Amino acid sequence: MKAVLHLADGFEEIEAISVVDILRRADITIQMVSIMGKREVTGAHNITVIADVLYESVDYSDVDMIILPGGLQGTQTMDKHVGLNEQLVRAAEQGKWVAAICAAPAILGKLGLLKGKSATCYPGLEQHLQGADTSVPDSTIIDGNIITSRGPGTSPHFALTIVEVLKGLELATTIRQEMII
């Protein structure tokens, strides 16, 4: 299993780092991918991380899941990245997993990937989830090959849901217990 998590300046740090941490605990290959043209990416709370790779060097043909952390500025930058948007649409059409949290599900809504699906996002941004049913109260929702989640506080649950769909409930439960979540 291979996942890629995209980073843009202004990303929500906890939503990115907790997902990477939990997926690596599950032995899922995950790369942090910068779409900024440089490996150093600074989050919404001035925490700078070094991405594993630049967007331009990723081979998406062997990627099983594309993940988008939120953060308003980071989401706005990812939304404008034509290549990333093309990869998201291609992945969804191929039945690969697409996961987004906080403000980032708005990108999926704009691309039409949420039509007829249940989805969630950061409270107050639901109007951007075009075509989605946002009435489900769950903090993390799986519908088809799309996973969405609400925000920073739901990050561990979002990550464990990703582990569950990629590697099974048993491993997700074990990690949940080990991390006391």
C-alpha atoms as a PDB file:
ATOM      1  CA  MET A   1       0.000   0.000   0.000  1.00  0.00           C
ATOM      2  CA  LYS A   2       1.247   3.456  -0.895  1.00  0.00           C
ATOM      3  CA  ALA A   3      -0.288   6.777   0.109  1.00  0.00           C
ATOM      4  CA  VAL A   4       0.721  10.349  -0.634  1.00  0.00           C
ATOM      5  CA  LEU A   5      -0.159  13.308   1.595  1.00  0.00           C
ATOM      6  CA  HIS A   6       0.107  16.714  -0.046  1.00  0.00           C
ATOM      7  CA  LEU A   7       1.516  19.779   1.667  1.00  0.00           C
ATOM      8  CA  ALA A   8       1.128  23.444   0.794  1.00  0.00           C
ATOM      9  CA  ASP A   9       2.116  26.440   2.895  1.00  0.00           C
ATOM     10  CA  GLY A  10      -0.626  27.037   5.451  1.00  0.00           C
ATOM     11  CA  PHE A  11      -1.529  23.359   5.916  1.00  0.00           C
ATOM     12  CA  GLU A  12      -2.986  22.295   9.280  1.00  0.00           C
ATOM     13  CA  GLU A  13      -0.015  20.630  10.974  1.00  0.00           C
ATOM     14  CA  ILE A  14      -1.850  18.186  13.237  1.00  0.00           C
ATOM     15  CA  GLU A  15      -3.945  16.951  10.314  1.00  0.00           C
ATOM     16  CA  ALA A  16      -0.836  16.166   8.300  1.00  0.00           C
ATOM     17  CA  ILE A  17       1.642  14.930  10.891  1.00  0.00           C
ATOM     18  CA  SER A  18      -0.764  12.756  12.891  1.00  0.00           C
ATOM     19  CA  VAL A  19      -1.873  11.029   9.689  1.00  0.00           C
ATOM     20  CA  VAL A  20       1.715  10.401   8.587  1.00  0.00           C
ATOM     21  CA  ASP A  21       2.641   9.152  12.076  1.00  0.00           C
ATOM     22  CA  ILE A  22      -0.286   6.740  12.359  1.00  0.00           C
ATOM     23  CA  LEU A  23       0.094   5.394   8.817  1.00  0.00           C
ATOM     24  CA  ARG A  24       3.798   4.749   9.400  1.00  0.00           C
ATOM     25  CA  ARG A  25       2.923   2.904  12.627  1.00  0.00           C
ATOM     26  CA  ALA A  26       0.731   0.708  10.405  1.00  0.00           C
ATOM     27  CA  ASP A  27       3.652   0.092   8.006  1.00  0.00           C
ATOM     28  CA  ILE A  28       1.854   1.898   5.203  1.00  0.00           C
ATOM     29  CA  THR A  29       4.248   3.605   2.831  1.00  0.00           C
ATOM     30  CA  ILE A  30       3.336   7.276   2.937  1.00  0.00           C
ATOM     31  CA  GLN A  31       5.159  10.165   1.352  1.00  0.00           C
ATOM     32  CA  MET A  32       4.719  13.800   2.263  1.00  0.00           C
ATOM     33  CA  VAL A  33       4.548  15.594  -1.082  1.00  0.00           C
ATOM     34  CA  SER A  34       5.228  19.324  -1.389  1.00  0.00           C
ATOM     35  CA  ILE A  35       3.350  21.194  -4.090  1.00  0.00           C
ATOM     36  CA  MET A  36       5.356  24.345  -3.322  1.00  0.00           C
ATOM     37  CA  GLY A  37       8.378  23.684  -5.546  1.00  0.00           C
ATOM     38  CA  LYS A  38      10.565  23.260  -2.444  1.00  0.00           C
ATOM     39  CA  ARG A  39      10.728  20.593   0.231  1.00  0.00           C
ATOM     40  CA  GLU A  40      10.328  22.989   3.181  1.00  0.00           C
ATOM     41  CA  VAL A  41       6.655  23.697   3.788  1.00  0.00           C
ATOM     42  CA  THR A  42       5.361  25.889   6.608  1.00  0.00           C
ATOM     43  CA  GLY A  43       2.056  25.118   8.263  1.00  0.00           C
ATOM     44  CA  ALA A  44      -0.700  27.385   9.522  1.00  0.00           C
ATOM     45  CA  HIS A  45       0.941  27.635  12.950  1.00  0.00           C
ATOM     46  CA  ASN A  46       4.467  28.363  11.696  1.00  0.00           C
ATOM     47  CA  ILE A  47       5.758  24.808  11.999  1.00  0.00           C
ATOM     48  CA  THR A  48       8.013  24.006   9.069  1.00  0.00           C
ATOM     49  CA  VAL A  49       8.327  20.422   7.878  1.00  0.00           C
ATOM     50  CA  ILE A  50      10.517  18.904   5.216  1.00  0.00           C
ATOM     51  CA  ALA A  51       8.482  16.982   2.675  1.00  0.00           C
ATOM     52  CA  ASP A  52       9.806  13.661   1.433  1.00  0.00           C
ATOM     53  CA  VAL A  53       9.426  14.616  -2.232  1.00  0.00           C
ATOM     54  CA  LEU A  54       8.284  17.337  -4.588  1.00  0.00           C
ATOM     55  CA  TYR A  55       5.042  16.899  -6.500  1.00  0.00           C
ATOM     56  CA  GLU A  56       6.891  16.819  -9.813  1.00  0.00           C
ATOM     57  CA  SER A  57       8.799  13.659  -8.867  1.00  0.00           C
ATOM     58  CA  VAL A  58       5.837  11.511  -7.738  1.00  0.00           C
ATOM     59  CA  ASP A  59       4.760   8.526  -9.828  1.00  0.00           C
ATOM     60  CA  TYR A  60       1.021   8.355  -9.163  1.00  0.00           C
ATOM     61  CA  SER A  61       0.565   5.102 -11.076  1.00  0.00           C
ATOM     62  CA  ASP A  62       1.380   3.031  -7.971  1.00  0.00           C
ATOM     63  CA  VAL A  63      -0.395   5.258  -5.415  1.00  0.00           C
ATOM     64  CA  ASP A  64      -3.346   3.646  -3.608  1.00  0.00           C
ATOM     65  CA  MET A  65      -4.525   6.764  -1.764  1.00  0.00           C
ATOM     66  CA  ILE A  66      -4.234  10.541  -2.098  1.00  0.00           C
ATOM     67  CA  ILE A  67      -4.619  12.463   1.165  1.00  0.00           C
ATOM     68  CA  LEU A  68      -5.262  16.180   1.654  1.00  0.00           C
ATOM     69  CA  PRO A  69      -4.854  17.840   5.049  1.00  0.00           C
ATOM     70  CA  GLY A  70      -6.804  21.011   5.678  1.00  0.00           C
ATOM     71  CA  GLY A  71      -5.798  24.450   6.772  1.00  0.00           C
ATOM     72  CA  LEU A  72      -7.491  27.267   4.886  1.00  0.00           C
ATOM     73  CA  GLN A  73      -4.425  28.735   3.173  1.00  0.00           C
ATOM     74  CA  GLY A  74      -3.040  25.297   2.323  1.00  0.00           C
ATOM     75  CA  THR A  75      -6.408  24.194   0.955  1.00  0.00           C
ATOM     76  CA  GLN A  76      -6.665  27.308  -1.219  1.00  0.00           C
ATOM     77  CA  THR A  77      -3.204  26.631  -2.640  1.00  0.00           C
ATOM     78  CA  MET A  78      -3.965  22.942  -3.302  1.00  0.00           C
ATOM     79  CA  ASP A  79      -7.265  23.944  -4.934  1.00  0.00           C
ATOM     80  CA  LYS A  80      -5.331  26.033  -7.493  1.00  0.00           C
ATOM     81  CA  HIS A  81      -2.823  23.267  -8.314  1.00  0.00           C
ATOM     82  CA  VAL A  82      -3.985  21.930 -11.681  1.00  0.00           C
ATOM     83  CA  GLY A  83      -1.798  18.822 -11.579  1.00  0.00           C
ATOM     84  CA  LEU A  84      -2.992  17.789  -8.134  1.00  0.00           C
ATOM     85  CA  ASN A  85      -6.620  18.314  -9.155  1.00  0.00           C
ATOM     86  CA  GLU A  86      -6.072  16.121 -12.214  1.00  0.00           C
ATOM     87  CA  GLN A  87      -4.541  13.412 -10.008  1.00  0.00           C
ATOM     88  CA  LEU A  88      -7.499  13.558  -7.619  1.00  0.00           C
ATOM     89  CA  VAL A  89     -10.026  13.134 -10.432  1.00  0.00           C
ATOM     90  CA  ARG A  90      -8.007  10.327 -12.032  1.00  0.00           C
ATOM     91  CA  ALA A  91      -7.628   8.492  -8.711  1.00  0.00           C
ATOM     92  CA  ALA A  92     -11.351   8.752  -7.950  1.00  0.00           C
ATOM     93  CA  GLU A  93     -12.275   7.559 -11.454  1.00  0.00           C
ATOM     94  CA  GLN A  94      -9.908   4.588 -11.080  1.00  0.00           C
ATOM     95  CA  GLY A  95     -11.514   3.620  -7.766  1.00  0.00           C
ATOM     96  CA  LYS A  96      -8.431   4.548  -5.757  1.00  0.00           C
ATOM     97  CA  TRP A  97      -8.878   6.049  -2.312  1.00  0.00           C
ATOM     98  CA  VAL A  98      -9.115   9.816  -1.841  1.00  0.00           C
ATOM     99  CA  ALA A  99      -9.141  11.280   1.670  1.00  0.00           C
ATOM    100  CA  ALA A 100      -9.528  14.887   2.818  1.00  0.00           C
ATOM    101  CA  ILE A 101      -9.992  16.580   6.174  1.00  0.00           C
ATOM    102  CA  CYS A 102     -11.111  19.984   7.484  1.00  0.00           C
ATOM    103  CA  ALA A 103     -11.288  22.543   4.644  1.00  0.00           C
ATOM    104  CA  ALA A 104      -9.795  20.181   2.043  1.00  0.00           C
ATOM    105  CA  PRO A 105     -13.037  18.290   1.224  1.00  0.00           C
ATOM    106  CA  ALA A 106     -14.083  21.545  -0.485  1.00  0.00           C
ATOM    107  CA  ILE A 107     -11.549  20.709  -3.212  1.00  0.00           C
ATOM    108  CA  LEU A 108     -13.286  17.382  -3.760  1.00  0.00           C
ATOM    109  CA  GLY A 109     -16.653  19.147  -3.900  1.00  0.00           C
ATOM    110  CA  LYS A 110     -15.422  21.632  -6.496  1.00  0.00           C
ATOM    111  CA  LEU A 111     -14.113  18.756  -8.617  1.00  0.00           C
ATOM    112  CA  GLY A 112     -17.498  17.006  -8.489  1.00  0.00           C
ATOM    113  CA  LEU A 113     -16.099  14.017  -6.585  1.00  0.00           C
ATOM    114  CA  LEU A 114     -18.693  14.246  -3.791  1.00  0.00           C
ATOM    115  CA  LYS A 115     -21.846  14.202  -5.940  1.00  0.00           C
ATOM    116  CA  GLY A 116     -24.303  11.730  -4.458  1.00  0.00           C
ATOM    117  CA  LYS A 117     -21.992  10.887  -1.547  1.00  0.00           C
ATOM    118  CA  SER A 118     -22.155  11.576   2.169  1.00  0.00           C
ATOM    119  CA  ALA A 119     -19.304  13.822   3.260  1.00  0.00           C
ATOM    120  CA  THR A 120     -18.190  16.137   6.027  1.00  0.00           C
ATOM    121  CA  CYS A 121     -15.770  19.012   6.536  1.00  0.00           C
ATOM    122  CA  TYR A 122     -14.888  21.811   8.925  1.00  0.00           C
ATOM    123  CA  PRO A 123     -18.138  23.283  10.304  1.00  0.00           C
ATOM    124  CA  GLY A 124     -19.365  26.207   8.234  1.00  0.00           C
ATOM    125  CA  LEU A 125     -17.787  25.052   4.961  1.00  0.00           C
ATOM    126  CA  GLU A 126     -20.491  22.552   4.009  1.00  0.00           C
ATOM    127  CA  GLN A 127     -21.727  24.712   1.121  1.00  0.00           C
ATOM    128  CA  HIS A 128     -18.452  23.926  -0.674  1.00  0.00           C
ATOM    129  CA  LEU A 129     -19.162  20.182  -0.709  1.00  0.00           C
ATOM    130  CA  GLN A 130     -21.107  20.474  -3.960  1.00  0.00           C
ATOM    131  CA  GLY A 131     -23.544  17.637  -4.485  1.00  0.00           C
ATOM    132  CA  ALA A 132     -22.794  15.950  -1.155  1.00  0.00           C
ATOM    133  CA  ASP A 133     -25.160  14.914   1.604  1.00  0.00           C
ATOM    134  CA  THR A 134     -23.747  16.710   4.646  1.00  0.00           C
ATOM    135  CA  SER A 135     -26.510  15.654   7.046  1.00  0.00           C
ATOM    136  CA  VAL A 136     -24.599  12.668   8.476  1.00  0.00           C
ATOM    137  CA  PRO A 137     -23.290  13.761  11.901  1.00  0.00           C
ATOM    138  CA  ASP A 138     -20.215  11.501  11.935  1.00  0.00           C
ATOM    139  CA  SER A 139     -16.813  13.143  12.354  1.00  0.00           C
ATOM    140  CA  THR A 140     -15.245  10.884   9.712  1.00  0.00           C
ATOM    141  CA  ILE A 141     -17.239   9.489   6.793  1.00  0.00           C
ATOM    142  CA  ILE A 142     -16.418   6.805   4.236  1.00  0.00           C
ATOM    143  CA  ASP A 143     -18.582   6.784   1.118  1.00  0.00           C
ATOM    144  CA  GLY A 144     -17.341   4.634  -1.726  1.00  0.00           C
ATOM    145  CA  ASN A 145     -13.662   5.421  -2.223  1.00  0.00           C
ATOM    146  CA  ILE A 146     -13.861   8.849  -0.540  1.00  0.00           C
ATOM    147  CA  ILE A 147     -13.025   9.548   3.117  1.00  0.00           C
ATOM    148  CA  THR A 148     -13.757  12.946   4.651  1.00  0.00           C
ATOM    149  CA  SER A 149     -13.313  14.270   8.172  1.00  0.00           C
ATOM    150  CA  ARG A 150     -14.118  17.421  10.136  1.00  0.00           C
ATOM    151  CA  GLY A 151     -10.936  18.970  11.521  1.00  0.00           C
ATOM    152  CA  PRO A 152      -7.882  18.978  13.774  1.00  0.00           C
ATOM    153  CA  GLY A 153      -9.537  17.101  16.648  1.00  0.00           C
ATOM    154  CA  THR A 154     -10.695  14.302  14.369  1.00  0.00           C
ATOM    155  CA  SER A 155      -7.239  13.729  12.866  1.00  0.00           C
ATOM    156  CA  PRO A 156      -6.391  10.515  14.776  1.00  0.00           C
ATOM    157  CA  HIS A 157      -9.778   9.000  13.908  1.00  0.00           C
ATOM    158  CA  PHE A 158      -9.345  10.073  10.273  1.00  0.00           C
ATOM    159  CA  ALA A 159      -5.901   8.407  10.197  1.00  0.00           C
ATOM    160  CA  LEU A 160      -7.193   5.228  11.838  1.00  0.00           C
ATOM    161  CA  THR A 161     -10.021   5.082   9.301  1.00  0.00           C
ATOM    162  CA  ILE A 162      -7.383   5.220   6.575  1.00  0.00           C
ATOM    163  CA  VAL A 163      -5.496   2.364   8.273  1.00  0.00           C
ATOM    164  CA  GLU A 164      -8.729   0.394   8.478  1.00  0.00           C
ATOM    165  CA  VAL A 165      -9.529   0.695   4.767  1.00  0.00           C
ATOM    166  CA  LEU A 166      -5.959   0.018   3.651  1.00  0.00           C
ATOM    167  CA  LYS A 167      -4.862  -2.650   6.149  1.00  0.00           C
ATOM    168  CA  GLY A 168      -7.925  -3.815   8.076  1.00  0.00           C
ATOM    169  CA  LEU A 169      -9.915  -3.186  11.236  1.00  0.00           C
ATOM    170  CA  GLU A 170      -7.747  -5.434  13.408  1.00  0.00           C
ATOM    171  CA  LEU A 171      -4.601  -3.368  12.836  1.00  0.00           C
ATOM    172  CA  ALA A 172      -6.509  -0.090  13.219  1.00  0.00           C
ATOM    173  CA  THR A 173      -7.938  -1.341  16.542  1.00  0.00           C
ATOM    174  CA  THR A 174      -4.485  -2.404  17.761  1.00  0.00           C
ATOM    175  CA  ILE A 175      -2.977   0.996  16.946  1.00  0.00           C
ATOM    176  CA  ARG A 176      -5.967   2.772  18.523  1.00  0.00           C
ATOM    177  CA  GLN A 177      -5.392   0.817  21.753  1.00  0.00           C
ATOM    178  CA  GLU A 178      -1.620   1.294  21.731  1.00  0.00           C
ATOM    179  CA  MET A 179      -2.033   5.044  21.267  1.00  0.00           C
ATOM    180  CA  ILE A 180      -4.864   5.238  23.841  1.00  0.00           C
ATOM    181  CA  ILE A 181      -7.265   6.882  21.399  1.00  0.00           C
END
